[in-house]
């Protein structure tokens, strides 16, 4: 199951208000690259015809296309301070390899703020 931390929910809701997009859902996507890594992306969007939310969490509706669901299974979206004053969304697989950090991020280290 794909999940959101409380911190991520709060930042997503804040970004939606700031952008006047409170009525839109958060679309999350993942794609496996040729080297085996996973690239993540997200943004506010309207559901397509017949599309059902993948997750509802404290006022945030999340949409995940069928082709992204296997890559996002057991992944948590968090919003963390990477360096002092530098915040970013990160995707954290909950089944990390032994010895690995288990952290993934989109776009080479930063997803921005929606």
Protein backbone atom coordinates (compact mmCIF):
# COMPACT_ATOMS: atom_id res chain seq x y z
CA UNK A 1 0.00 0.00 0.00
CA UNK A 2 1.17 3.54 -0.78
CA UNK A 3 1.10 5.83 2.27
CA UNK A 4 1.70 9.45 3.24
CA UNK A 5 3.34 10.72 6.40
CA UNK A 6 1.60 13.38 8.47
CA UNK A 7 4.29 15.85 7.38
CA UNK A 8 3.68 15.09 3.70
CA UNK A 9 -0.09 15.47 4.12
CA UNK A 10 0.37 18.85 5.79
CA UNK A 11 2.70 20.14 3.03
CA UNK A 12 0.47 18.83 0.23
CA UNK A 13 -2.57 20.53 1.76
CA UNK A 14 -0.58 23.77 2.18
CA UNK A 15 0.62 23.65 -1.44
CA UNK A 16 -2.94 23.03 -2.67
CA UNK A 17 -4.22 26.08 -0.78
CA UNK A 18 -1.32 28.27 -1.93
CA UNK A 19 -1.91 27.25 -5.54
CA UNK A 20 -5.71 27.44 -5.44
CA UNK A 21 -5.91 23.71 -6.20
CA UNK A 22 -7.83 22.46 -3.18
CA UNK A 23 -10.36 20.68 -5.41
CA UNK A 24 -7.70 18.66 -7.25
CA UNK A 25 -6.20 15.31 -6.33
CA UNK A 26 -2.50 14.55 -6.02
CA UNK A 27 -1.38 12.33 -8.90
CA UNK A 28 1.67 10.20 -8.09
CA UNK A 29 3.61 8.26 -10.72
CA UNK A 30 6.64 6.01 -10.90
CA UNK A 31 8.70 4.69 -13.80
CA UNK A 32 11.52 2.15 -13.89
CA UNK A 33 14.56 3.47 -15.78
CA UNK A 34 16.90 1.42 -17.99
CA UNK A 35 19.45 1.20 -15.16
CA UNK A 36 16.82 -0.28 -12.82
CA UNK A 37 16.32 2.86 -10.72
CA UNK A 38 12.85 4.29 -10.19
CA UNK A 39 11.93 7.85 -11.09
CA UNK A 40 9.04 9.38 -9.15
CA UNK A 41 6.80 12.31 -9.97
CA UNK A 42 3.72 14.03 -8.65
CA UNK A 43 1.44 16.97 -9.23
CA UNK A 44 -2.13 18.14 -8.80
CA UNK A 45 -4.61 16.74 -11.33
CA UNK A 46 -8.26 15.89 -11.94
CA UNK A 47 -9.34 12.24 -12.00
CA UNK A 48 -9.88 10.84 -15.47
CA UNK A 49 -13.23 9.29 -16.42
CA UNK A 50 -13.93 6.32 -14.17
CA UNK A 51 -10.68 6.68 -12.24
CA UNK A 52 -10.99 5.86 -8.55
CA UNK A 53 -8.73 7.33 -5.84
CA UNK A 54 -5.94 5.02 -4.73
CA UNK A 55 -5.79 6.63 -1.30
CA UNK A 56 -7.59 9.23 0.81
CA UNK A 57 -5.66 10.65 3.76
CA UNK A 58 -6.82 13.59 5.88
CA UNK A 59 -8.32 15.53 2.99
CA UNK A 60 -5.70 14.52 0.41
CA UNK A 61 -6.91 12.35 -2.45
CA UNK A 62 -4.14 10.41 -4.21
CA UNK A 63 -4.44 9.07 -7.75
CA UNK A 64 -2.04 6.38 -8.99
CA UNK A 65 -2.27 5.01 -12.52
CA UNK A 66 -2.39 1.21 -12.81
CA UNK A 67 1.08 1.03 -14.43
CA UNK A 68 2.65 2.88 -11.47
CA UNK A 69 0.94 0.92 -8.71
CA UNK A 70 3.41 -2.01 -8.57
CA UNK A 71 6.36 0.39 -8.29
CA UNK A 72 4.67 2.38 -5.53
CA UNK A 73 3.52 -0.64 -3.54
CA UNK A 74 4.88 -0.45 0.05
CA UNK A 75 6.22 3.08 -0.52
CA UNK A 76 5.75 6.04 1.77
CA UNK A 77 5.79 9.68 0.66
CA UNK A 78 7.44 11.97 3.21
CA UNK A 79 8.43 15.65 3.36
CA UNK A 80 11.78 16.11 5.07
CA UNK A 81 14.54 18.63 5.65
CA UNK A 82 17.41 17.38 3.46
CA UNK A 83 19.83 20.12 4.57
CA UNK A 84 19.24 23.07 6.86
CA UNK A 85 16.42 25.08 5.27
CA UNK A 86 16.10 22.74 2.24
CA UNK A 87 12.91 20.65 2.30
CA UNK A 88 11.90 18.01 -0.22
CA UNK A 89 9.39 15.26 -0.83
CA UNK A 90 11.00 11.83 -0.80
CA UNK A 91 9.67 8.40 -1.68
CA UNK A 92 10.74 5.76 0.85
CA UNK A 93 10.35 2.10 -0.12
CA UNK A 94 9.37 0.17 3.01
CA UNK A 95 11.23 -2.94 1.81
CA UNK A 96 14.77 -1.55 1.74
CA UNK A 97 17.64 -3.80 0.81
CA UNK A 98 19.92 -4.80 3.69
CA UNK A 99 22.56 -2.13 4.22
CA UNK A 100 20.71 0.40 2.04
CA UNK A 101 19.10 3.59 3.18
CA UNK A 102 15.73 2.75 1.68
CA UNK A 103 15.27 6.32 0.52
CA UNK A 104 14.31 7.24 -2.99
CA UNK A 105 13.70 10.65 -4.38
CA UNK A 106 12.38 11.92 -7.62
CA UNK A 107 14.28 14.02 -10.11
CA UNK A 108 17.71 13.31 -8.68
CA UNK A 109 17.03 14.47 -5.16
CA UNK A 110 14.14 16.89 -5.14
CA UNK A 111 10.49 16.76 -6.07
CA UNK A 112 9.88 20.38 -5.24
CA UNK A 113 6.77 21.35 -3.40
CA UNK A 114 4.06 20.11 -5.78
